[in-house]
Amino acid sequence: MVKRRTYSAAFKARVVMEMISGAKSQAEIAREHRIKPDLLARWKRQFLENASSLFEKERPNHEVEVRIAELEQALGRKTLELEVAKKASNIFNRLNGGT
């Protein structure tokens, strides 16, 4: 079984910048790094598609914030339920002669 190589984001960006700079051709870069040209083309396409996001102001992800709020509410409910259960257990133990 052939193990697939993995590449870091920094490596991909560096290789794509080599292609964009025009210092070397895509074929030269592919040979140098032993990477298939179609993989380099995919990386370049992804890079160019996402380049504009680098200049956008960072705004919080609303969906993530909503999810965090939901989880915090659920945690609060569970904490309250646990406290009620502890108190009920203490009362039950006192009524049945426990400590």
PDB file of N, CA and C in Angstrom:
ATOM      1  N   MET A   1       0.838  -1.168   0.000  1.00  0.00           N
ATOM      2  CA  MET A   1       0.000   0.000   0.000  1.00  0.00           C
ATOM      3  C   MET A   1       0.893   1.245   0.000  1.00  0.00           C
ATOM      4  N   VAL A   2       0.562   2.205  -0.828  1.00  0.00           N
ATOM      5  CA  VAL A   2       1.341   3.423  -0.951  1.00  0.00           C
ATOM      6  C   VAL A   2       0.824   4.449   0.056  1.00  0.00           C
ATOM      7  N   LYS A   3       1.754   4.997   0.824  1.00  0.00           N
ATOM      8  CA  LYS A   3       1.373   6.023   1.791  1.00  0.00           C
ATOM      9  C   LYS A   3       1.394   7.382   1.101  1.00  0.00           C
ATOM     10  N   ARG A   4       0.313   8.145   1.274  1.00  0.00           N
ATOM     11  CA  ARG A   4       0.227   9.462   0.658  1.00  0.00           C
ATOM     12  C   ARG A   4       1.067  10.455   1.449  1.00  0.00           C
ATOM     13  N   ARG A   5       1.732  11.310   0.718  1.00  0.00           N
ATOM     14  CA  ARG A   5       2.494  12.363   1.380  1.00  0.00           C
ATOM     15  C   ARG A   5       1.542  13.494   1.756  1.00  0.00           C
ATOM     16  N   THR A   6       1.858  14.128   2.843  1.00  0.00           N
ATOM     17  CA  THR A   6       1.064  15.288   3.243  1.00  0.00           C
ATOM     18  C   THR A   6       1.971  16.512   3.212  1.00  0.00           C
ATOM     19  N   TYR A   7       1.376  17.650   2.924  1.00  0.00           N
ATOM     20  CA  TYR A   7       2.128  18.881   2.789  1.00  0.00           C
ATOM     21  C   TYR A   7       1.530  19.935   3.706  1.00  0.00           C
ATOM     22  N   SER A   8       2.387  20.695   4.350  1.00  0.00           N
ATOM     23  CA  SER A   8       1.912  21.749   5.230  1.00  0.00           C
ATOM     24  C   SER A   8       1.363  22.910   4.397  1.00  0.00           C
ATOM     25  N   ALA A   9       0.550  23.723   5.037  1.00  0.00           N
ATOM     26  CA  ALA A   9      -0.003  24.894   4.365  1.00  0.00           C
ATOM     27  C   ALA A   9       1.120  25.843   3.955  1.00  0.00           C
ATOM     28  N   ALA A  10       2.141  25.962   4.788  1.00  0.00           N
ATOM     29  CA  ALA A  10       3.268  26.844   4.475  1.00  0.00           C
ATOM     30  C   ALA A  10       4.008  26.362   3.223  1.00  0.00           C
ATOM     31  N   PHE A  11       4.190  25.054   3.119  1.00  0.00           N
ATOM     32  CA  PHE A  11       4.871  24.494   1.948  1.00  0.00           C
ATOM     33  C   PHE A  11       4.053  24.762   0.693  1.00  0.00           C
ATOM     34  N   LYS A  12       2.752  24.506   0.766  1.00  0.00           N
ATOM     35  CA  LYS A  12       1.881  24.736  -0.390  1.00  0.00           C
ATOM     36  C   LYS A  12       1.927  26.193  -0.828  1.00  0.00           C
ATOM     37  N   ALA A  13       1.867  27.106   0.139  1.00  0.00           N
ATOM     38  CA  ALA A  13       1.895  28.533  -0.191  1.00  0.00           C
ATOM     39  C   ALA A  13       3.216  28.906  -0.847  1.00  0.00           C
ATOM     40  N   ARG A  14       4.314  28.381  -0.322  1.00  0.00           N
ATOM     41  CA  ARG A  14       5.629  28.693  -0.888  1.00  0.00           C
ATOM     42  C   ARG A  14       5.727  28.198  -2.337  1.00  0.00           C
ATOM     43  N   VAL A  15       5.252  26.974  -2.587  1.00  0.00           N
ATOM     44  CA  VAL A  15       5.313  26.401  -3.933  1.00  0.00           C
ATOM     45  C   VAL A  15       4.426  27.188  -4.893  1.00  0.00           C
ATOM     46  N   VAL A  16       3.236  27.563  -4.440  1.00  0.00           N
ATOM     47  CA  VAL A  16       2.334  28.342  -5.298  1.00  0.00           C
ATOM     48  C   VAL A  16       2.956  29.704  -5.599  1.00  0.00           C
ATOM     49  N   MET A  17       3.596  30.315  -4.612  1.00  0.00           N
ATOM     50  CA  MET A  17       4.240  31.607  -4.852  1.00  0.00           C
ATOM     51  C   MET A  17       5.367  31.472  -5.873  1.00  0.00           C
ATOM     52  N   GLU A  18       6.058  30.346  -5.856  1.00  0.00           N
ATOM     53  CA  GLU A  18       7.089  30.101  -6.874  1.00  0.00           C
ATOM     54  C   GLU A  18       6.461  30.097  -8.262  1.00  0.00           C
ATOM     55  N   MET A  19       5.302  29.445  -8.382  1.00  0.00           N
ATOM     56  CA  MET A  19       4.624  29.380  -9.676  1.00  0.00           C
ATOM     57  C   MET A  19       4.154  30.764 -10.106  1.00  0.00           C
ATOM     58  N   ILE A  20       3.554  31.498  -9.185  1.00  0.00           N
ATOM     59  CA  ILE A  20       2.992  32.803  -9.516  1.00  0.00           C
ATOM     60  C   ILE A  20       4.093  33.798  -9.879  1.00  0.00           C
ATOM     61  N   SER A  21       5.234  33.699  -9.228  1.00  0.00           N
ATOM     62  CA  SER A  21       6.331  34.639  -9.497  1.00  0.00           C
ATOM     63  C   SER A  21       6.871  34.489 -10.912  1.00  0.00           C
ATOM     64  N   GLY A  22       6.691  33.305 -11.491  1.00  0.00           N
ATOM     65  CA  GLY A  22       7.155  33.084 -12.852  1.00  0.00           C
ATOM     66  C   GLY A  22       8.630  32.736 -12.945  1.00  0.00           C
ATOM     67  N   ALA A  23       9.308  32.628 -11.816  1.00  0.00           N
ATOM     68  CA  ALA A  23      10.734  32.291 -11.830  1.00  0.00           C
ATOM     69  C   ALA A  23      10.957  30.902 -12.411  1.00  0.00           C
ATOM     70  N   LYS A  24      10.010  30.005 -12.165  1.00  0.00           N
ATOM     71  CA  LYS A  24      10.095  28.642 -12.687  1.00  0.00           C
ATOM     72  C   LYS A  24       8.743  28.269 -13.260  1.00  0.00           C
ATOM     73  N   SER A  25       8.742  27.352 -14.181  1.00  0.00           N
ATOM     74  CA  SER A  25       7.479  26.881 -14.750  1.00  0.00           C
ATOM     75  C   SER A  25       6.846  25.854 -13.811  1.00  0.00           C
ATOM     76  N   GLN A  26       5.579  25.602 -14.036  1.00  0.00           N
ATOM     77  CA  GLN A  26       4.867  24.621 -13.218  1.00  0.00           C
ATOM     78  C   GLN A  26       5.527  23.255 -13.345  1.00  0.00           C
ATOM     79  N   ALA A  27       5.952  22.914 -14.541  1.00  0.00           N
ATOM     80  CA  ALA A  27       6.595  21.620 -14.770  1.00  0.00           C
ATOM     81  C   ALA A  27       7.922  21.524 -14.010  1.00  0.00           C
ATOM     82  N   GLU A  28       8.692  22.613 -14.001  1.00  0.00           N
ATOM     83  CA  GLU A  28       9.966  22.615 -13.277  1.00  0.00           C
ATOM     84  C   GLU A  28       9.741  22.434 -11.774  1.00  0.00           C
ATOM     85  N   ILE A  29       8.759  23.140 -11.260  1.00  0.00           N
ATOM     86  CA  ILE A  29       8.459  23.043  -9.832  1.00  0.00           C
ATOM     87  C   ILE A  29       7.970  21.647  -9.486  1.00  0.00           C
ATOM     88  N   ALA A  30       7.142  21.078 -10.355  1.00  0.00           N
ATOM     89  CA  ALA A  30       6.626  19.724 -10.124  1.00  0.00           C
ATOM     90  C   ALA A  30       7.771  18.719 -10.076  1.00  0.00           C
ATOM     91  N   ARG A  31       8.697  18.829 -11.008  1.00  0.00           N
ATOM     92  CA  ARG A  31       9.841  17.919 -11.017  1.00  0.00           C
ATOM     93  C   ARG A  31      10.723  18.116  -9.790  1.00  0.00           C
ATOM     94  N   GLU A  32      10.972  19.364  -9.447  1.00  0.00           N
ATOM     95  CA  GLU A  32      11.851  19.682  -8.322  1.00  0.00           C
ATOM     96  C   GLU A  32      11.317  19.114  -7.003  1.00  0.00           C
ATOM     97  N   HIS A  33      10.014  19.208  -6.807  1.00  0.00           N
ATOM     98  CA  HIS A  33       9.406  18.760  -5.550  1.00  0.00           C
ATOM     99  C   HIS A  33       8.756  17.377  -5.657  1.00  0.00           C
ATOM    100  N   ARG A  34       8.859  16.770  -6.842  1.00  0.00           N
ATOM    101  CA  ARG A  34       8.241  15.463  -7.104  1.00  0.00           C
ATOM    102  C   ARG A  34       6.749  15.474  -6.753  1.00  0.00           C
ATOM    103  N   ILE A  35       6.060  16.449  -7.341  1.00  0.00           N
ATOM    104  CA  ILE A  35       4.621  16.614  -7.141  1.00  0.00           C
ATOM    105  C   ILE A  35       3.984  16.629  -8.520  1.00  0.00           C
ATOM    106  N   LYS A  36       2.829  15.996  -8.638  1.00  0.00           N
ATOM    107  CA  LYS A  36       2.137  15.971  -9.917  1.00  0.00           C
ATOM    108  C   LYS A  36       1.682  17.376 -10.293  1.00  0.00           C
ATOM    109  N   PRO A  37       1.812  17.736 -11.570  1.00  0.00           N
ATOM    110  CA  PRO A  37       1.411  19.072 -12.026  1.00  0.00           C
ATOM    111  C   PRO A  37      -0.064  19.394 -11.747  1.00  0.00           C
ATOM    112  N   ASP A  38      -0.932  18.382 -11.826  1.00  0.00           N
ATOM    113  CA  ASP A  38      -2.349  18.663 -11.565  1.00  0.00           C
ATOM    114  C   ASP A  38      -2.589  19.013 -10.096  1.00  0.00           C
ATOM    115  N   LEU A  39      -1.774  18.461  -9.197  1.00  0.00           N
ATOM    116  CA  LEU A  39      -1.885  18.817  -7.791  1.00  0.00           C
ATOM    117  C   LEU A  39      -1.445  20.266  -7.583  1.00  0.00           C
ATOM    118  N   LEU A  40      -0.362  20.654  -8.261  1.00  0.00           N
ATOM    119  CA  LEU A  40       0.084  22.051  -8.181  1.00  0.00           C
ATOM    120  C   LEU A  40      -0.982  22.991  -8.727  1.00  0.00           C
ATOM    121  N   ALA A  41      -1.615  22.596  -9.810  1.00  0.00           N
ATOM    122  CA  ALA A  41      -2.671  23.430 -10.393  1.00  0.00           C
ATOM    123  C   ALA A  41      -3.834  23.585  -9.414  1.00  0.00           C
ATOM    124  N   ARG A  42      -4.168  22.518  -8.703  1.00  0.00           N
ATOM    125  CA  ARG A  42      -5.256  22.584  -7.713  1.00  0.00           C
ATOM    126  C   ARG A  42      -4.891  23.534  -6.582  1.00  0.00           C
ATOM    127  N   TRP A  43      -3.639  23.429  -6.101  1.00  0.00           N
ATOM    128  CA  TRP A  43      -3.194  24.324  -5.032  1.00  0.00           C
ATOM    129  C   TRP A  43      -3.247  25.782  -5.487  1.00  0.00           C
ATOM    130  N   LYS A  44      -2.818  26.026  -6.708  1.00  0.00           N
ATOM    131  CA  LYS A  44      -2.821  27.389  -7.241  1.00  0.00           C
ATOM    132  C   LYS A  44      -4.250  27.911  -7.341  1.00  0.00           C
ATOM    133  N   ARG A  45      -5.168  27.082  -7.820  1.00  0.00           N
ATOM    134  CA  ARG A  45      -6.566  27.483  -7.943  1.00  0.00           C
ATOM    135  C   ARG A  45      -7.144  27.813  -6.563  1.00  0.00           C
ATOM    136  N   GLN A  46      -6.882  26.947  -5.568  1.00  0.00           N
ATOM    137  CA  GLN A  46      -7.367  27.200  -4.210  1.00  0.00           C
ATOM    138  C   GLN A  46      -6.781  28.490  -3.653  1.00  0.00           C
ATOM    139  N   PHE A  47      -5.508  28.701  -3.906  1.00  0.00           N
ATOM    140  CA  PHE A  47      -4.834  29.911  -3.432  1.00  0.00           C
ATOM    141  C   PHE A  47      -5.487  31.153  -4.019  1.00  0.00           C
ATOM    142  N   LEU A  48      -5.707  31.146  -5.323  1.00  0.00           N
ATOM    143  CA  LEU A  48      -6.288  32.311  -5.983  1.00  0.00           C
ATOM    144  C   LEU A  48      -7.742  32.526  -5.585  1.00  0.00           C
ATOM    145  N   GLU A  49      -8.488  31.440  -5.392  1.00  0.00           N
ATOM    146  CA  GLU A  49      -9.890  31.566  -4.983  1.00  0.00           C
ATOM    147  C   GLU A  49     -10.013  32.173  -3.591  1.00  0.00           C
ATOM    148  N   ASN A  50      -9.059  31.888  -2.728  1.00  0.00           N
ATOM    149  CA  ASN A  50      -9.134  32.356  -1.341  1.00  0.00           C
ATOM    150  C   ASN A  50      -8.280  33.590  -1.059  1.00  0.00           C
ATOM    151  N   ALA A  51      -7.590  34.100  -2.054  1.00  0.00           N
ATOM    152  CA  ALA A  51      -6.691  35.237  -1.844  1.00  0.00           C
ATOM    153  C   ALA A  51      -7.433  36.472  -1.347  1.00  0.00           C
ATOM    154  N   SER A  52      -8.625  36.715  -1.859  1.00  0.00           N
ATOM    155  CA  SER A  52      -9.351  37.932  -1.471  1.00  0.00           C
ATOM    156  C   SER A  52      -9.722  37.925   0.005  1.00  0.00           C
ATOM    157  N   SER A  53      -9.875  36.751   0.598  1.00  0.00           N
ATOM    158  CA  SER A  53     -10.251  36.684   2.015  1.00  0.00           C
ATOM    159  C   SER A  53      -9.139  37.220   2.923  1.00  0.00           C
ATOM    160  N   LEU A  54      -7.930  37.291   2.428  1.00  0.00           N
ATOM    161  CA  LEU A  54      -6.833  37.830   3.222  1.00  0.00           C
ATOM    162  C   LEU A  54      -7.027  39.311   3.527  1.00  0.00           C
ATOM    163  N   PHE A  55      -7.764  40.006   2.670  1.00  0.00           N
ATOM    164  CA  PHE A  55      -7.927  41.440   2.821  1.00  0.00           C
ATOM    165  C   PHE A  55      -9.260  41.826   3.449  1.00  0.00           C
ATOM    166  N   GLU A  56     -10.074  40.854   3.759  1.00  0.00           N
ATOM    167  CA  GLU A  56     -11.345  41.127   4.411  1.00  0.00           C
ATOM    168  C   GLU A  56     -11.109  41.343   5.891  1.00  0.00           C
ATOM    169  N   LYS A  57     -11.921  42.205   6.473  1.00  0.00           N
ATOM    170  CA  LYS A  57     -11.837  42.394   7.919  1.00  0.00           C
ATOM    171  C   LYS A  57     -12.316  41.123   8.569  1.00  0.00           C
ATOM    172  N   GLU A  58     -11.622  40.764   9.624  1.00  0.00           N
ATOM    173  CA  GLU A  58     -12.041  39.563  10.330  1.00  0.00           C
ATOM    174  C   GLU A  58     -13.288  39.859  11.118  1.00  0.00           C
ATOM    175  N   ARG A  59     -14.306  39.095  10.852  1.00  0.00           N
ATOM    176  CA  ARG A  59     -15.536  39.254  11.604  1.00  0.00           C
ATOM    177  C   ARG A  59     -15.864  37.915  12.226  1.00  0.00           C
ATOM    178  N   PRO A  60     -16.417  37.957  13.415  1.00  0.00           N
ATOM    179  CA  PRO A  60     -16.697  36.700  14.102  1.00  0.00           C
ATOM    180  C   PRO A  60     -17.710  35.863  13.333  1.00  0.00           C
ATOM    181  N   ASN A  61     -17.526  34.604  13.417  1.00  0.00           N
ATOM    182  CA  ASN A  61     -18.414  33.664  12.754  1.00  0.00           C
ATOM    183  C   ASN A  61     -19.687  33.543  13.590  1.00  0.00           C
ATOM    184  N   HIS A  62     -20.778  34.044  13.052  1.00  0.00           N
ATOM    185  CA  HIS A  62     -22.041  34.091  13.776  1.00  0.00           C
ATOM    186  C   HIS A  62     -22.507  32.689  14.180  1.00  0.00           C
ATOM    187  N   GLU A  63     -22.354  31.720  13.293  1.00  0.00           N
ATOM    188  CA  GLU A  63     -22.797  30.360  13.591  1.00  0.00           C
ATOM    189  C   GLU A  63     -22.048  29.784  14.787  1.00  0.00           C
ATOM    190  N   VAL A  64     -20.772  30.057  14.866  1.00  0.00           N
ATOM    191  CA  VAL A  64     -19.967  29.550  15.975  1.00  0.00           C
ATOM    192  C   VAL A  64     -20.413  30.215  17.274  1.00  0.00           C
ATOM    193  N   GLU A  65     -20.659  31.527  17.215  1.00  0.00           N
ATOM    194  CA  GLU A  65     -21.102  32.234  18.416  1.00  0.00           C
ATOM    195  C   GLU A  65     -22.441  31.700  18.908  1.00  0.00           C
ATOM    196  N   VAL A  66     -23.356  31.437  17.985  1.00  0.00           N
ATOM    197  CA  VAL A  66     -24.670  30.892  18.359  1.00  0.00           C
ATOM    198  C   VAL A  66     -24.493  29.528  19.005  1.00  0.00           C
ATOM    199  N   ARG A  67     -23.643  28.697  18.429  1.00  0.00           N
ATOM    200  CA  ARG A  67     -23.409  27.355  18.973  1.00  0.00           C
ATOM    201  C   ARG A  67     -22.796  27.433  20.372  1.00  0.00           C
ATOM    202  N   ILE A  68     -21.868  28.336  20.564  1.00  0.00           N
ATOM    203  CA  ILE A  68     -21.252  28.501  21.882  1.00  0.00           C
ATOM    204  C   ILE A  68     -22.301  28.922  22.900  1.00  0.00           C
ATOM    205  N   ALA A  69     -23.177  29.857  22.517  1.00  0.00           N
ATOM    206  CA  ALA A  69     -24.239  30.306  23.426  1.00  0.00           C
ATOM    207  C   ALA A  69     -25.163  29.147  23.793  1.00  0.00           C
ATOM    208  N   GLU A  70     -25.514  28.320  22.800  1.00  0.00           N
ATOM    209  CA  GLU A  70     -26.373  27.160  23.064  1.00  0.00           C
ATOM    210  C   GLU A  70     -25.699  26.198  24.048  1.00  0.00           C
ATOM    211  N   LEU A  71     -24.421  25.947  23.847  1.00  0.00           N
ATOM    212  CA  LEU A  71     -23.689  25.036  24.722  1.00  0.00           C
ATOM    213  C   LEU A  71     -23.558  25.595  26.135  1.00  0.00           C
ATOM    214  N   GLU A  72     -23.346  26.915  26.237  1.00  0.00           N
ATOM    215  CA  GLU A  72     -23.275  27.532  27.562  1.00  0.00           C
ATOM    216  C   GLU A  72     -24.609  27.413  28.287  1.00  0.00           C
ATOM    217  N   GLN A  73     -25.710  27.581  27.560  1.00  0.00           N
ATOM    218  CA  GLN A  73     -27.042  27.429  28.172  1.00  0.00           C
ATOM    219  C   GLN A  73     -27.256  25.999  28.630  1.00  0.00           C
ATOM    220  N   ALA A  74     -26.865  25.038  27.799  1.00  0.00           N
ATOM    221  CA  ALA A  74     -27.024  23.627  28.152  1.00  0.00           C
ATOM    222  C   ALA A  74     -26.189  23.297  29.391  1.00  0.00           C
ATOM    223  N   LEU A  75     -24.979  23.833  29.450  1.00  0.00           N
ATOM    224  CA  LEU A  75     -24.120  23.608  30.610  1.00  0.00           C
ATOM    225  C   LEU A  75     -24.761  24.188  31.871  1.00  0.00           C
ATOM    226  N   GLY A  76     -25.339  25.364  31.754  1.00  0.00           N
ATOM    227  CA  GLY A  76     -26.020  25.984  32.890  1.00  0.00           C
ATOM    228  C   GLY A  76     -27.182  25.141  33.382  1.00  0.00           C
ATOM    229  N   ARG A  77     -27.967  24.619  32.435  1.00  0.00           N
ATOM    230  CA  ARG A  77     -29.103  23.760  32.807  1.00  0.00           C
ATOM    231  C   ARG A  77     -28.629  22.499  33.510  1.00  0.00           C
ATOM    232  N   LYS A  78     -27.584  21.876  32.982  1.00  0.00           N
ATOM    233  CA  LYS A  78     -27.064  20.640  33.582  1.00  0.00           C
ATOM    234  C   LYS A  78     -26.477  20.905  34.961  1.00  0.00           C
ATOM    235  N   THR A  79     -25.823  22.037  35.130  1.00  0.00           N
ATOM    236  CA  THR A  79     -25.273  22.393  36.434  1.00  0.00           C
ATOM    237  C   THR A  79     -26.397  22.557  37.445  1.00  0.00           C
ATOM    238  N   LEU A  80     -27.465  23.244  37.045  1.00  0.00           N
ATOM    239  CA  LEU A  80     -28.615  23.430  37.916  1.00  0.00           C
ATOM    240  C   LEU A  80     -29.256  22.089  38.259  1.00  0.00           C
ATOM    241  N   GLU A  81     -29.424  21.221  37.256  1.00  0.00           N
ATOM    242  CA  GLU A  81     -29.999  19.897  37.497  1.00  0.00           C
ATOM    243  C   GLU A  81     -29.149  19.102  38.485  1.00  0.00           C
ATOM    244  N   LEU A  82     -27.839  19.193  38.359  1.00  0.00           N
ATOM    245  CA  LEU A  82     -26.933  18.478  39.254  1.00  0.00           C
ATOM    246  C   LEU A  82     -27.069  18.997  40.684  1.00  0.00           C
ATOM    247  N   GLU A  83     -27.149  20.309  40.843  1.00  0.00           N
ATOM    248  CA  GLU A  83     -27.316  20.885  42.179  1.00  0.00           C
ATOM    249  C   GLU A  83     -28.628  20.427  42.808  1.00  0.00           C
ATOM    250  N   VAL A  84     -29.715  20.415  42.026  1.00  0.00           N
ATOM    251  CA  VAL A  84     -31.012  19.968  42.535  1.00  0.00           C
ATOM    252  C   VAL A  84     -30.937  18.494  42.929  1.00  0.00           C
ATOM    253  N   ALA A  85     -30.284  17.684  42.123  1.00  0.00           N
ATOM    254  CA  ALA A  85     -30.156  16.258  42.426  1.00  0.00           C
ATOM    255  C   ALA A  85     -29.345  16.037  43.704  1.00  0.00           C
ATOM    256  N   LYS A  86     -28.283  16.822  43.897  1.00  0.00           N
ATOM    257  CA  LYS A  86     -27.484  16.706  45.116  1.00  0.00           C
ATOM    258  C   LYS A  86     -28.323  17.053  46.345  1.00  0.00           C
ATOM    259  N   LYS A  87     -29.084  18.139  46.251  1.00  0.00           N
ATOM    260  CA  LYS A  87     -29.914  18.547  47.387  1.00  0.00           C
ATOM    261  C   LYS A  87     -30.982  17.492  47.678  1.00  0.00           C
ATOM    262  N   ALA A  88     -31.597  16.956  46.619  1.00  0.00           N
ATOM    263  CA  ALA A  88     -32.617  15.922  46.796  1.00  0.00           C
ATOM    264  C   ALA A  88     -31.998  14.676  47.425  1.00  0.00           C
ATOM    265  N   SER A  89     -30.805  14.336  47.027  1.00  0.00           N
ATOM    266  CA  SER A  89     -30.122  13.179  47.584  1.00  0.00           C
ATOM    267  C   SER A  89     -29.822  13.396  49.063  1.00  0.00           C
ATOM    268  N   ASN A  90     -29.390  14.579  49.431  1.00  0.00           N
ATOM    269  CA  ASN A  90     -29.116  14.891  50.834  1.00  0.00           C
ATOM    270  C   ASN A  90     -30.392  14.797  51.675  1.00  0.00           C
ATOM    271  N   ILE A  91     -31.479  15.348  51.160  1.00  0.00           N
ATOM    272  CA  ILE A  91     -32.763  15.295  51.869  1.00  0.00           C
ATOM    273  C   ILE A  91     -33.216  13.849  52.021  1.00  0.00           C
ATOM    274  N   PHE A  92     -33.111  13.066  50.954  1.00  0.00           N
ATOM    275  CA  PHE A  92     -33.517  11.673  50.966  1.00  0.00           C
ATOM    276  C   PHE A  92     -32.691  10.890  51.992  1.00  0.00           C
ATOM    277  N   ASN A  93     -31.383  11.140  52.016  1.00  0.00           N
ATOM    278  CA  ASN A  93     -30.505  10.441  52.968  1.00  0.00           C
ATOM    279  C   ASN A  93     -30.861  10.799  54.407  1.00  0.00           C
ATOM    280  N   ARG A  94     -31.166  12.071  54.690  1.00  0.00           N
ATOM    281  CA  ARG A  94     -31.528  12.484  56.046  1.00  0.00           C
ATOM    282  C   ARG A  94     -32.850  11.846  56.486  1.00  0.00           C
ATOM    283  N   LEU A  95     -33.804  11.738  55.564  1.00  0.00           N
ATOM    284  CA  LEU A  95     -35.102  11.159  55.896  1.00  0.00           C
ATOM    285  C   LEU A  95     -34.999   9.658  56.155  1.00  0.00           C
ATOM    286  N   ASN A  96     -34.071   9.001  55.505  1.00  0.00           N
ATOM    287  CA  ASN A  96     -33.909   7.546  55.643  1.00  0.00           C
ATOM    288  C   ASN A  96     -32.837   7.177  56.664  1.00  0.00           C
ATOM    289  N   GLY A  97     -32.426   8.138  57.467  1.00  0.00           N
ATOM    290  CA  GLY A  97     -31.472   7.837  58.527  1.00  0.00           C
ATOM    291  C   GLY A  97     -30.038   7.775  58.095  1.00  0.00           C
ATOM    292  N   GLY A  98     -29.707   8.191  56.875  1.00  0.00           N
ATOM    293  CA  GLY A  98     -28.315   8.193  56.420  1.00  0.00           C
ATOM    294  C   GLY A  98     -27.602   9.422  56.926  1.00  0.00           C
ATOM    295  N   THR A  99     -26.330   9.522  56.582  1.00  0.00           N
ATOM    296  CA  THR A  99     -25.547  10.680  57.008  1.00  0.00           C
ATOM    297  C   THR A  99     -25.433  11.704  55.924  1.00  0.00           C
TER     298      THR A  99
END
